[in-house]
Amino acid sequence: MAGHRRLDTRYSIEFPAQLTYARRAHSLVTHDVSEGGVFLRTESPPPLMQLVQVHLVLPIGGRALSAYGMTVHVVDKDNAHGRMPGIGVQFYALDKTTRETWEAFTRHVASAYPESHDQTPLRMVRGATPEPLSRRFQHHKAVLPLLPATLDELEEILTRDFPTGRLFVPTDLVLPTGSVVVVHVTHPDDKSPFLLQAKVASRPATPPGLVVELLGNDGRLQLEFLSFVRRSIVFDDALVTPDPPDAT
């Protein structure tokens, strides 16, 4: 039972975060964390059961982590109880290194920071995954990582590929033409994410990879990607451990 509580108990701590959904990145601040997720302060939250990506700059240990998650808890800014408005995100499918880093971080937070006033669990009830979420996962055949090595390579995607609406993604995956995928672009400087929806157009023989056709490739998307390319977030390598609040 203690282990179950450790997963759900939320502890108050604030530090920078970036929430990405619907191809847009939002700079936010955490309100509290639990072993299973994070609550982000915002007056304009995404809808429930939205697939999102969270990029966190941990104030302890000098690490920046990225994780996929699901929005499972929304507090509206006009709520009747005066609770902090924002969105609760449950992490899922964390890789081993990210999971271990996050668990070590939340153990430290649990020992040094107070419990949050809001203890609504940042998780879905087991077996309660809604049908729209199931359809969303079925809709995308794969997530294709795209890792430009330099800012110049990232700029090429903007200036060369967006005008044509097609993009080459190196991968060993074999997917049929027309498969809808998500291209996960990682900024070479700050490792921040940008998600592009696309469908497979062809598979060249060499080099191994897929040519995908960008979906929703309009002027707004191109401006958002331009902002992603040009506005790198600089992480401080000398992050220090904040002093815990006074226990008063």
Foldseek 3Di string as FASTA:
>chain_A
DVVVCQQQFKFADWFWKWKDAPQFIDIWIWGIAGLFWTWTFDQDEDDFQGWIKMWGQQLPPRDIDIFIWTFHDADHCPDPPNDGGTTQTTTPDDDPVRSVVSVVSSVVRVVFTGTDPDRDGSDDDPPPNDPVNVVVVVLAPEEAEAEDQDLVSLVCCLVPVLVVQKDWGADQDDDDFFHKHWYWYAANAQRDTGIWIWTFHDADPPPGTTMTGTPPSDPVSSVSSVCVSPPDDDRDSPRHRDHGDDPD
